[in-house]
Amino acid sequence: MTTAGTALGQAEAVLPEPRRRRTKNVADDDSRKINWWVTALIAVCSLTILIPLYLAVVVALKTPDQLAAGTGFEWPNPVRWENFAEAWERTSFPQALMNTAMITVGAVVLTLLTSSVVAYGIARNIHRPFFKGVFFYLLAALFIPFPIIMLPLVKQTSLLGLDNQAGMIVLYTIYGLSLNIFIYTAYIRSIPIELEEAARVDGASTWRVFRQIIFPLLTPMNATVGILTCVWAWNDFIMPLVVLTDPGARTLPLAQYVFQGQFNTDYTVAFASYLMAMAPLLVVYIFSQRWVISGVTRGSIK
């Protein structure tokens, strides 16, 4: 019996194991399914942007009679391209574009340089009571509406001689400091401290560590903060309206205000000017969107 049992065991060991039938991974199949609810929500949200954009293009290409005759959504026939030429002249578009571009570029550059430095100091010393207090003090500024401080701002800028383009650059940098530091600080704290310690062992100073190690790593956040500041400074209407005193320094939103009359509005030419003002910013976003999306994604993961 022992010999027979041993032989039977050896035979079973030699025989190949039966092939197991593969079963489909249910989790993999579920991950490939389309979430139609989310898809429908995205489609509806897309329509809320595409329909007004289509309406703006259509109105900008119509004559006043065509706009009054239809519902507004019909494609114009014939197309009136003269609306853009008229908007170019009535808004002094080159001068307004130059003023807006100068303020926007200056605000973006100064914001990136100042906000990143302040956020680096706070992020690496957040364990200290003073820096923690400064951080929460800046966050508290997010809850102060601009109309509350608008009148004191007008008085102060007039006294300090900041009612010009340079003053606008400084104001955009200061008022964007709270949100930008909040974004920068969360990202800087996710950068390993060992990188800085290795540089300090080699004799690098604090400024050199920030300039050569930290700031290059902030490229995604720089793109995010830069595009947010750019959109804000380019499209802002209230602050230039109450601060700028020289008519020659008016920005594009202020220049477009000339189409708002007391009893009527020239909508066709006005919408043509809106599209002209939107075009440069749209080009900037198209070329920088991958850095913006990368910055938002990396900033959400610590």
C-alpha atoms as a PDB file:
ATOM      1  CA  MET A   1       0.000   0.000   0.000  1.00  0.00           C
ATOM      2  CA  THR A   2       2.799   2.340   0.825  1.00  0.00           C
ATOM      3  CA  THR A   3       4.512   1.726  -2.496  1.00  0.00           C
ATOM      4  CA  ALA A   4       1.269   2.145  -4.413  1.00  0.00           C
ATOM      5  CA  GLY A   5       0.438   5.343  -2.597  1.00  0.00           C
ATOM      6  CA  THR A   6       3.893   6.733  -3.277  1.00  0.00           C
ATOM      7  CA  ALA A   7       3.651   5.909  -6.974  1.00  0.00           C
ATOM      8  CA  LEU A   8       0.226   7.508  -7.182  1.00  0.00           C
ATOM      9  CA  GLY A   9       1.538  10.660  -5.550  1.00  0.00           C
ATOM     10  CA  GLN A  10       4.467  10.872  -7.949  1.00  0.00           C
ATOM     11  CA  ALA A  11       2.152  10.390 -10.914  1.00  0.00           C
ATOM     12  CA  GLU A  12      -0.098  13.224  -9.736  1.00  0.00           C
ATOM     13  CA  ALA A  13       2.946  15.443  -9.335  1.00  0.00           C
ATOM     14  CA  VAL A  14       4.084  14.723 -12.884  1.00  0.00           C
ATOM     15  CA  LEU A  15       0.707  15.375 -14.446  1.00  0.00           C
ATOM     16  CA  PRO A  16       0.233  18.984 -15.539  1.00  0.00           C
ATOM     17  CA  GLU A  17      -2.216  21.074 -13.580  1.00  0.00           C
ATOM     18  CA  PRO A  18      -5.509  21.653 -15.340  1.00  0.00           C
ATOM     19  CA  ARG A  19      -5.761  24.969 -17.081  1.00  0.00           C
ATOM     20  CA  ARG A  20      -7.791  27.442 -15.115  1.00  0.00           C
ATOM     21  CA  ARG A  21     -10.391  29.318 -16.969  1.00  0.00           C
ATOM     22  CA  ARG A  22      -9.710  33.027 -17.066  1.00  0.00           C
ATOM     23  CA  THR A  23     -12.359  35.201 -15.552  1.00  0.00           C
ATOM     24  CA  LYS A  24     -12.895  38.739 -16.613  1.00  0.00           C
ATOM     25  CA  ASN A  25     -11.935  41.370 -14.155  1.00  0.00           C
ATOM     26  CA  VAL A  26     -15.135  43.058 -13.195  1.00  0.00           C
ATOM     27  CA  ALA A  27     -13.310  46.134 -11.924  1.00  0.00           C
ATOM     28  CA  ASP A  28     -11.532  46.576 -15.264  1.00  0.00           C
ATOM     29  CA  ASP A  29     -14.819  46.304 -17.139  1.00  0.00           C
ATOM     30  CA  ASP A  30     -16.488  48.836 -14.860  1.00  0.00           C
ATOM     31  CA  SER A  31     -13.625  51.275 -15.341  1.00  0.00           C
ATOM     32  CA  ARG A  32     -14.153  51.169 -19.100  1.00  0.00           C
ATOM     33  CA  LYS A  33     -17.833  52.019 -18.907  1.00  0.00           C
ATOM     34  CA  ILE A  34     -18.933  55.506 -19.822  1.00  0.00           C
ATOM     35  CA  ASN A  35     -20.475  57.558 -17.065  1.00  0.00           C
ATOM     36  CA  TRP A  36     -23.337  59.063 -19.029  1.00  0.00           C
ATOM     37  CA  TRP A  37     -24.459  61.297 -16.171  1.00  0.00           C
ATOM     38  CA  VAL A  38     -21.074  62.984 -15.978  1.00  0.00           C
ATOM     39  CA  THR A  39     -20.879  63.159 -19.778  1.00  0.00           C
ATOM     40  CA  ALA A  40     -24.285  64.855 -19.941  1.00  0.00           C
ATOM     41  CA  LEU A  41     -23.266  67.315 -17.226  1.00  0.00           C
ATOM     42  CA  ILE A  42     -20.072  68.201 -19.114  1.00  0.00           C
ATOM     43  CA  ALA A  43     -22.066  68.667 -22.328  1.00  0.00           C
ATOM     44  CA  VAL A  44     -24.520  71.015 -20.617  1.00  0.00           C
ATOM     45  CA  CYS A  45     -21.688  73.012 -19.040  1.00  0.00           C
ATOM     46  CA  SER A  46     -20.011  73.252 -22.450  1.00  0.00           C
ATOM     47  CA  LEU A  47     -23.201  74.620 -23.992  1.00  0.00           C
ATOM     48  CA  THR A  48     -23.347  77.370 -21.381  1.00  0.00           C
ATOM     49  CA  ILE A  49     -20.043  78.617 -22.795  1.00  0.00           C
ATOM     50  CA  LEU A  50     -20.390  77.779 -26.483  1.00  0.00           C
ATOM     51  CA  ILE A  51     -23.849  79.305 -26.951  1.00  0.00           C
ATOM     52  CA  PRO A  52     -22.931  82.777 -25.600  1.00  0.00           C
ATOM     53  CA  LEU A  53     -19.687  82.650 -27.585  1.00  0.00           C
ATOM     54  CA  TYR A  54     -21.605  81.812 -30.775  1.00  0.00           C
ATOM     55  CA  LEU A  55     -24.073  84.595 -30.031  1.00  0.00           C
ATOM     56  CA  ALA A  56     -21.227  87.078 -29.558  1.00  0.00           C
ATOM     57  CA  VAL A  57     -19.689  86.140 -32.910  1.00  0.00           C
ATOM     58  CA  VAL A  58     -23.021  86.328 -34.723  1.00  0.00           C
ATOM     59  CA  VAL A  59     -23.979  89.703 -33.273  1.00  0.00           C
ATOM     60  CA  ALA A  60     -20.533  91.130 -34.085  1.00  0.00           C
ATOM     61  CA  LEU A  61     -21.040  90.271 -37.758  1.00  0.00           C
ATOM     62  CA  LYS A  62     -24.533  91.736 -38.139  1.00  0.00           C
ATOM     63  CA  THR A  63     -25.925  95.114 -38.998  1.00  0.00           C
ATOM     64  CA  PRO A  64     -28.268  96.849 -36.536  1.00  0.00           C
ATOM     65  CA  ASP A  65     -31.221  96.079 -38.851  1.00  0.00           C
ATOM     66  CA  GLN A  66     -30.340  92.360 -39.009  1.00  0.00           C
ATOM     67  CA  LEU A  67     -30.041  92.245 -35.222  1.00  0.00           C
ATOM     68  CA  ALA A  68     -33.451  93.877 -34.743  1.00  0.00           C
ATOM     69  CA  ALA A  69     -35.193  91.684 -37.320  1.00  0.00           C
ATOM     70  CA  GLY A  70     -34.261  88.229 -36.015  1.00  0.00           C
ATOM     71  CA  THR A  71     -33.854  86.379 -32.745  1.00  0.00           C
ATOM     72  CA  GLY A  72     -30.115  87.001 -32.640  1.00  0.00           C
ATOM     73  CA  PHE A  73     -28.970  83.440 -33.402  1.00  0.00           C
ATOM     74  CA  GLU A  74     -29.295  83.563 -37.208  1.00  0.00           C
ATOM     75  CA  TRP A  75     -26.065  83.701 -39.176  1.00  0.00           C
ATOM     76  CA  PRO A  76     -25.830  87.132 -40.884  1.00  0.00           C
ATOM     77  CA  ASN A  77     -26.184  87.370 -44.613  1.00  0.00           C
ATOM     78  CA  PRO A  78     -24.298  89.375 -45.727  1.00  0.00           C
ATOM     79  CA  VAL A  79     -21.558  89.496 -43.105  1.00  0.00           C
ATOM     80  CA  ARG A  80     -20.591  92.993 -41.979  1.00  0.00           C
ATOM     81  CA  TRP A  81     -16.848  93.033 -41.256  1.00  0.00           C
ATOM     82  CA  GLU A  82     -16.907  96.810 -40.976  1.00  0.00           C
ATOM     83  CA  ASN A  83     -17.991  96.469 -37.328  1.00  0.00           C
ATOM     84  CA  PHE A  84     -14.444  95.516 -36.351  1.00  0.00           C
ATOM     85  CA  ALA A  85     -12.942  98.498 -38.177  1.00  0.00           C
ATOM     86  CA  GLU A  86     -15.426 100.838 -36.512  1.00  0.00           C
ATOM     87  CA  ALA A  87     -14.708  99.342 -33.089  1.00  0.00           C
ATOM     88  CA  TRP A  88     -10.978  99.742 -33.733  1.00  0.00           C
ATOM     89  CA  GLU A  89     -11.414 103.482 -34.296  1.00  0.00           C
ATOM     90  CA  ARG A  90     -14.046 104.294 -31.673  1.00  0.00           C
ATOM     91  CA  THR A  91     -12.177 102.597 -28.835  1.00  0.00           C
ATOM     92  CA  SER A  92      -8.695 103.784 -29.866  1.00  0.00           C
ATOM     93  CA  PHE A  93      -7.883 100.091 -29.786  1.00  0.00           C
ATOM     94  CA  PRO A  94      -4.080 100.257 -30.258  1.00  0.00           C
ATOM     95  CA  GLN A  95      -3.587 102.647 -27.345  1.00  0.00           C
ATOM     96  CA  ALA A  96      -6.012 100.799 -25.064  1.00  0.00           C
ATOM     97  CA  LEU A  97      -4.409  97.498 -26.010  1.00  0.00           C
ATOM     98  CA  MET A  98      -0.946  98.830 -25.199  1.00  0.00           C
ATOM     99  CA  ASN A  99      -2.104 100.142 -21.806  1.00  0.00           C
ATOM    100  CA  THR A 100      -3.791  96.865 -20.938  1.00  0.00           C
ATOM    101  CA  ALA A 101      -0.832  94.772 -22.073  1.00  0.00           C
ATOM    102  CA  MET A 102       1.636  96.902 -20.099  1.00  0.00           C
ATOM    103  CA  ILE A 103      -0.427  96.667 -16.904  1.00  0.00           C
ATOM    104  CA  THR A 104      -1.046  92.934 -17.345  1.00  0.00           C
ATOM    105  CA  VAL A 105       2.565  91.982 -18.082  1.00  0.00           C
ATOM    106  CA  GLY A 106       3.868  94.150 -15.242  1.00  0.00           C
ATOM    107  CA  ALA A 107       1.346  92.693 -12.796  1.00  0.00           C
ATOM    108  CA  VAL A 108       2.161  89.112 -13.796  1.00  0.00           C
ATOM    109  CA  VAL A 109       5.941  89.563 -13.516  1.00  0.00           C
ATOM    110  CA  LEU A 110       5.800  91.410 -10.194  1.00  0.00           C
ATOM    111  CA  THR A 111       3.276  88.925  -8.807  1.00  0.00           C
ATOM    112  CA  LEU A 112       5.421  85.903  -9.660  1.00  0.00           C
ATOM    113  CA  LEU A 113       8.527  87.449  -8.114  1.00  0.00           C
ATOM    114  CA  THR A 114       6.955  88.689  -4.886  1.00  0.00           C
ATOM    115  CA  SER A 115       4.350  86.022  -4.144  1.00  0.00           C
ATOM    116  CA  SER A 116       6.756  83.137  -4.653  1.00  0.00           C
ATOM    117  CA  VAL A 117       9.383  84.650  -2.325  1.00  0.00           C
ATOM    118  CA  VAL A 118       6.865  85.422   0.426  1.00  0.00           C
ATOM    119  CA  ALA A 119       5.246  81.999   0.104  1.00  0.00           C
ATOM    120  CA  TYR A 120       8.648  80.296   0.326  1.00  0.00           C
ATOM    121  CA  GLY A 121       9.459  82.109   3.555  1.00  0.00           C
ATOM    122  CA  ILE A 122       6.089  81.224   5.057  1.00  0.00           C
ATOM    123  CA  ALA A 123       6.104  77.595   3.898  1.00  0.00           C
ATOM    124  CA  ARG A 124       9.534  76.834   5.380  1.00  0.00           C
ATOM    125  CA  ASN A 125       8.751  78.597   8.678  1.00  0.00           C
ATOM    126  CA  ILE A 126       5.076  77.758   9.100  1.00  0.00           C
ATOM    127  CA  HIS A 127       5.881  76.051  12.417  1.00  0.00           C
ATOM    128  CA  ARG A 128       6.805  79.431  13.915  1.00  0.00           C
ATOM    129  CA  PRO A 129       3.974  81.481  15.444  1.00  0.00           C
ATOM    130  CA  PHE A 130       4.881  84.697  13.609  1.00  0.00           C
ATOM    131  CA  PHE A 131       4.851  83.148  10.122  1.00  0.00           C
ATOM    132  CA  LYS A 132       1.716  81.160  10.902  1.00  0.00           C
ATOM    133  CA  GLY A 133       0.026  84.383  11.989  1.00  0.00           C
ATOM    134  CA  VAL A 134       1.102  86.135   8.787  1.00  0.00           C
ATOM    135  CA  PHE A 135      -0.266  83.239   6.737  1.00  0.00           C
ATOM    136  CA  PHE A 136      -3.699  83.371   8.366  1.00  0.00           C
ATOM    137  CA  TYR A 137      -3.678  87.173   8.220  1.00  0.00           C
ATOM    138  CA  LEU A 138      -3.211  87.032   4.451  1.00  0.00           C
ATOM    139  CA  LEU A 139      -5.899  84.384   4.110  1.00  0.00           C
ATOM    140  CA  ALA A 140      -8.314  86.604   6.032  1.00  0.00           C
ATOM    141  CA  ALA A 141      -7.898  89.255   3.324  1.00  0.00           C
ATOM    142  CA  LEU A 142      -9.691  86.930   0.895  1.00  0.00           C
ATOM    143  CA  PHE A 143     -12.951  87.577   2.738  1.00  0.00           C
ATOM    144  CA  ILE A 144     -12.855  91.382   2.364  1.00  0.00           C
ATOM    145  CA  PRO A 145     -14.945  92.532  -0.644  1.00  0.00           C
ATOM    146  CA  PHE A 146     -13.334  95.137  -2.858  1.00  0.00           C
ATOM    147  CA  PRO A 147     -16.251  97.637  -2.774  1.00  0.00           C
ATOM    148  CA  ILE A 148     -15.696  98.048   0.991  1.00  0.00           C
ATOM    149  CA  ILE A 149     -12.183  99.420   0.489  1.00  0.00           C
ATOM    150  CA  MET A 150     -12.807 101.076  -2.863  1.00  0.00           C
ATOM    151  CA  LEU A 151     -13.277 104.658  -1.659  1.00  0.00           C
ATOM    152  CA  PRO A 152     -10.272 104.658   0.701  1.00  0.00           C
ATOM    153  CA  LEU A 153      -8.243 103.151  -2.137  1.00  0.00           C
ATOM    154  CA  VAL A 154      -9.131 106.023  -4.454  1.00  0.00           C
ATOM    155  CA  LYS A 155      -8.057 108.573  -1.838  1.00  0.00           C
ATOM    156  CA  GLN A 156      -4.774 106.811  -1.051  1.00  0.00           C
ATOM    157  CA  THR A 157      -3.768 106.284  -4.685  1.00  0.00           C
ATOM    158  CA  SER A 158      -4.445 109.949  -5.395  1.00  0.00           C
ATOM    159  CA  LEU A 159      -2.307 111.098  -2.471  1.00  0.00           C
ATOM    160  CA  LEU A 160       0.553 108.731  -3.334  1.00  0.00           C
ATOM    161  CA  GLY A 161       0.506 109.487  -7.063  1.00  0.00           C
ATOM    162  CA  LEU A 162      -0.443 105.917  -7.982  1.00  0.00           C
ATOM    163  CA  ASP A 163      -3.444 106.802 -10.158  1.00  0.00           C
ATOM    164  CA  ASN A 164      -1.625 105.603 -13.287  1.00  0.00           C
ATOM    165  CA  GLN A 165      -0.411 102.399 -14.940  1.00  0.00           C
ATOM    166  CA  ALA A 166       2.382 101.857 -12.412  1.00  0.00           C
ATOM    167  CA  GLY A 167      -0.099 102.153  -9.567  1.00  0.00           C
ATOM    168  CA  MET A 168      -2.354  99.570 -11.220  1.00  0.00           C
ATOM    169  CA  ILE A 169       0.536  97.103 -11.397  1.00  0.00           C
ATOM    170  CA  VAL A 170       1.263  97.577  -7.693  1.00  0.00           C
ATOM    171  CA  LEU A 171      -2.413  97.234  -6.735  1.00  0.00           C
ATOM    172  CA  TYR A 172      -2.920  94.023  -8.709  1.00  0.00           C
ATOM    173  CA  THR A 173       0.178  92.569  -7.053  1.00  0.00           C
ATOM    174  CA  ILE A 174      -0.968  93.512  -3.555  1.00  0.00           C
ATOM    175  CA  TYR A 175      -4.592  92.429  -3.886  1.00  0.00           C
ATOM    176  CA  GLY A 176      -3.610  89.120  -5.469  1.00  0.00           C
ATOM    177  CA  LEU A 177      -1.108  88.341  -2.725  1.00  0.00           C
ATOM    178  CA  SER A 178      -3.537  86.420  -0.478  1.00  0.00           C
ATOM    179  CA  LEU A 179      -4.749  83.869  -3.031  1.00  0.00           C
ATOM    180  CA  ASN A 180      -1.343  83.480  -4.652  1.00  0.00           C
ATOM    181  CA  ILE A 181       0.419  82.780  -1.361  1.00  0.00           C
ATOM    182  CA  PHE A 182      -2.242  80.214  -0.505  1.00  0.00           C
ATOM    183  CA  ILE A 183      -1.543  78.437  -3.816  1.00  0.00           C
ATOM    184  CA  TYR A 184       2.244  78.700  -3.584  1.00  0.00           C
ATOM    185  CA  THR A 185       2.496  77.639   0.064  1.00  0.00           C
ATOM    186  CA  ALA A 186       0.602  74.388  -0.437  1.00  0.00           C
ATOM    187  CA  TYR A 187       2.869  73.454  -3.326  1.00  0.00           C
ATOM    188  CA  ILE A 188       6.173  74.480  -1.707  1.00  0.00           C
ATOM    189  CA  ARG A 189       5.409  72.374   1.360  1.00  0.00           C
ATOM    190  CA  SER A 190       5.160  69.325  -0.919  1.00  0.00           C
ATOM    191  CA  ILE A 191       8.758  69.865  -2.168  1.00  0.00           C
ATOM    192  CA  PRO A 192      11.196  67.667  -0.177  1.00  0.00           C
ATOM    193  CA  ILE A 193      13.290  69.670   2.259  1.00  0.00           C
ATOM    194  CA  GLU A 194      16.227  67.341   1.558  1.00  0.00           C
ATOM    195  CA  LEU A 195      16.866  69.143  -1.731  1.00  0.00           C
ATOM    196  CA  GLU A 196      17.537  72.382   0.109  1.00  0.00           C
ATOM    197  CA  GLU A 197      19.583  70.706   2.820  1.00  0.00           C
ATOM    198  CA  ALA A 198      21.868  69.140   0.215  1.00  0.00           C
ATOM    199  CA  ALA A 199      22.418  72.538  -1.388  1.00  0.00           C
ATOM    200  CA  ARG A 200      23.142  74.177   1.960  1.00  0.00           C
ATOM    201  CA  VAL A 201      25.761  71.501   2.701  1.00  0.00           C
ATOM    202  CA  ASP A 202      27.486  72.567  -0.512  1.00  0.00           C
ATOM    203  CA  GLY A 203      27.541  76.163   0.732  1.00  0.00           C
ATOM    204  CA  ALA A 204      24.497  77.626  -1.040  1.00  0.00           C
ATOM    205  CA  SER A 205      22.788  80.601   0.599  1.00  0.00           C
ATOM    206  CA  THR A 206      19.039  80.936   1.094  1.00  0.00           C
ATOM    207  CA  TRP A 207      18.616  83.167  -1.952  1.00  0.00           C
ATOM    208  CA  ARG A 208      20.656  80.822  -4.113  1.00  0.00           C
ATOM    209  CA  VAL A 209      18.617  77.836  -2.938  1.00  0.00           C
ATOM    210  CA  PHE A 210      15.421  79.636  -3.867  1.00  0.00           C
ATOM    211  CA  ARG A 211      16.748  80.925  -7.188  1.00  0.00           C
ATOM    212  CA  GLN A 212      18.363  77.737  -8.462  1.00  0.00           C
ATOM    213  CA  ILE A 213      16.312  74.976  -6.828  1.00  0.00           C
ATOM    214  CA  ILE A 214      12.908  76.124  -5.593  1.00  0.00           C
ATOM    215  CA  PHE A 215      11.895  78.631  -8.272  1.00  0.00           C
ATOM    216  CA  PRO A 216      12.546  76.245 -11.213  1.00  0.00           C
ATOM    217  CA  LEU A 217      10.395  73.645  -9.446  1.00  0.00           C
ATOM    218  CA  LEU A 218       7.586  76.190  -9.206  1.00  0.00           C
ATOM    219  CA  THR A 219       7.029  76.263 -12.968  1.00  0.00           C
ATOM    220  CA  PRO A 220       3.538  74.648 -12.826  1.00  0.00           C
ATOM    221  CA  MET A 221       2.459  76.996 -10.037  1.00  0.00           C
ATOM    222  CA  ASN A 222       3.989  79.989 -11.825  1.00  0.00           C
ATOM    223  CA  ALA A 223       1.890  79.165 -14.870  1.00  0.00           C
ATOM    224  CA  THR A 224      -1.256  78.823 -12.776  1.00  0.00           C
ATOM    225  CA  VAL A 225      -0.726  82.045 -10.826  1.00  0.00           C
ATOM    226  CA  GLY A 226       0.402  83.837 -13.977  1.00  0.00           C
ATOM    227  CA  ILE A 227      -2.688  82.974 -16.017  1.00  0.00           C
ATOM    228  CA  LEU A 228      -5.032  83.816 -13.119  1.00  0.00           C
ATOM    229  CA  THR A 229      -3.370  87.202 -12.680  1.00  0.00           C
ATOM    230  CA  CYS A 230      -3.353  87.761 -16.426  1.00  0.00           C
ATOM    231  CA  VAL A 231      -7.077  87.087 -16.780  1.00  0.00           C
ATOM    232  CA  TRP A 232      -7.877  89.276 -13.789  1.00  0.00           C
ATOM    233  CA  ALA A 233      -5.753  92.251 -14.861  1.00  0.00           C
ATOM    234  CA  TRP A 234      -6.849  92.013 -18.500  1.00  0.00           C
ATOM    235  CA  ASN A 235     -10.602  91.858 -17.858  1.00  0.00           C
ATOM    236  CA  ASP A 236     -10.876  94.016 -14.726  1.00  0.00           C
ATOM    237  CA  PHE A 237     -13.174  96.998 -15.015  1.00  0.00           C
ATOM    238  CA  ILE A 238     -13.870  98.322 -11.516  1.00  0.00           C
ATOM    239  CA  MET A 239     -10.323  99.040 -10.342  1.00  0.00           C
ATOM    240  CA  PRO A 240      -9.189 100.925 -13.490  1.00  0.00           C
ATOM    241  CA  LEU A 241     -12.468 102.844 -13.423  1.00  0.00           C
ATOM    242  CA  VAL A 242     -11.958 104.211  -9.901  1.00  0.00           C
ATOM    243  CA  VAL A 243      -8.152 104.534  -9.936  1.00  0.00           C
ATOM    244  CA  LEU A 244      -7.081 105.805 -13.366  1.00  0.00           C
ATOM    245  CA  THR A 245      -7.566 109.532 -13.870  1.00  0.00           C
ATOM    246  CA  ASP A 246      -5.849 110.081 -17.222  1.00  0.00           C
ATOM    247  CA  PRO A 247      -8.147 109.296 -20.201  1.00  0.00           C
ATOM    248  CA  GLY A 248      -5.089 108.308 -22.218  1.00  0.00           C
ATOM    249  CA  ALA A 249      -4.298 105.528 -19.723  1.00  0.00           C
ATOM    250  CA  ARG A 250      -7.635 103.743 -19.987  1.00  0.00           C
ATOM    251  CA  THR A 251      -7.644  99.997 -20.533  1.00  0.00           C
ATOM    252  CA  LEU A 252      -9.703  97.912 -22.958  1.00  0.00           C
ATOM    253  CA  PRO A 253     -12.683  97.385 -20.596  1.00  0.00           C
ATOM    254  CA  LEU A 254     -12.833 101.142 -20.018  1.00  0.00           C
ATOM    255  CA  ALA A 255     -12.493 101.851 -23.738  1.00  0.00           C
ATOM    256  CA  GLN A 256     -15.424  99.529 -24.472  1.00  0.00           C
ATOM    257  CA  TYR A 257     -17.573 101.507 -22.072  1.00  0.00           C
ATOM    258  CA  VAL A 258     -18.058 104.156 -24.777  1.00  0.00           C
ATOM    259  CA  PHE A 259     -20.695 101.944 -26.447  1.00  0.00           C
ATOM    260  CA  GLN A 260     -22.983 102.194 -23.397  1.00  0.00           C
ATOM    261  CA  GLY A 261     -25.245 105.147 -24.131  1.00  0.00           C
ATOM    262  CA  GLN A 262     -27.959 106.670 -21.972  1.00  0.00           C
ATOM    263  CA  PHE A 263     -30.827 105.449 -24.133  1.00  0.00           C
ATOM    264  CA  ASN A 264     -29.347 102.863 -26.507  1.00  0.00           C
ATOM    265  CA  THR A 265     -26.292 100.693 -27.107  1.00  0.00           C
ATOM    266  CA  ASP A 266     -24.583  99.896 -30.381  1.00  0.00           C
ATOM    267  CA  TYR A 267     -24.505  96.155 -29.791  1.00  0.00           C
ATOM    268  CA  THR A 268     -23.002  95.074 -33.114  1.00  0.00           C
ATOM    269  CA  VAL A 269     -19.913  97.274 -32.821  1.00  0.00           C
ATOM    270  CA  ALA A 270     -19.694  96.635 -29.077  1.00  0.00           C
ATOM    271  CA  PHE A 271     -19.612  92.858 -29.543  1.00  0.00           C
ATOM    272  CA  ALA A 272     -16.968  93.278 -32.241  1.00  0.00           C
ATOM    273  CA  SER A 273     -14.809  95.150 -29.736  1.00  0.00           C
ATOM    274  CA  TYR A 274     -15.417  92.415 -27.145  1.00  0.00           C
ATOM    275  CA  LEU A 275     -14.118  89.763 -29.527  1.00  0.00           C
ATOM    276  CA  MET A 276     -11.074  91.878 -30.371  1.00  0.00           C
ATOM    277  CA  ALA A 277     -10.275  92.317 -26.686  1.00  0.00           C
ATOM    278  CA  MET A 278     -10.781  88.622 -25.988  1.00  0.00           C
ATOM    279  CA  ALA A 279      -8.566  87.346 -28.811  1.00  0.00           C
ATOM    280  CA  PRO A 280      -5.097  88.101 -27.296  1.00  0.00           C
ATOM    281  CA  LEU A 281      -6.007  86.537 -23.958  1.00  0.00           C
ATOM    282  CA  LEU A 282      -7.423  83.471 -25.692  1.00  0.00           C
ATOM    283  CA  VAL A 283      -4.163  82.983 -27.588  1.00  0.00           C
ATOM    284  CA  VAL A 284      -2.183  83.240 -24.342  1.00  0.00           C
ATOM    285  CA  TYR A 285      -4.349  80.609 -22.675  1.00  0.00           C
ATOM    286  CA  ILE A 286      -4.120  78.214 -25.629  1.00  0.00           C
ATOM    287  CA  PHE A 287      -0.325  78.195 -25.404  1.00  0.00           C
ATOM    288  CA  SER A 288      -0.190  77.994 -21.593  1.00  0.00           C
ATOM    289  CA  GLN A 289      -3.079  75.669 -20.797  1.00  0.00           C
ATOM    290  CA  ARG A 290      -0.928  72.559 -20.373  1.00  0.00           C
ATOM    291  CA  TRP A 291       1.130  74.278 -17.669  1.00  0.00           C
ATOM    292  CA  VAL A 292      -2.020  75.539 -15.976  1.00  0.00           C
ATOM    293  CA  ILE A 293      -3.620  72.100 -15.922  1.00  0.00           C
ATOM    294  CA  SER A 294      -0.355  70.570 -14.714  1.00  0.00           C
ATOM    295  CA  GLY A 295      -0.120  73.140 -11.938  1.00  0.00           C
ATOM    296  CA  VAL A 296      -3.684  72.514 -10.750  1.00  0.00           C
ATOM    297  CA  THR A 297      -3.117  68.744 -10.802  1.00  0.00           C
ATOM    298  CA  ARG A 298       0.170  68.851  -8.930  1.00  0.00           C
ATOM    299  CA  GLY A 299      -1.097  71.376  -6.444  1.00  0.00           C
ATOM    300  CA  SER A 300      -3.946  69.068  -5.452  1.00  0.00           C
ATOM    301  CA  ILE A 301      -1.593  66.186  -4.590  1.00  0.00           C
ATOM    302  CA  LYS A 302       0.820  66.599  -1.733  1.00  0.00           C
END
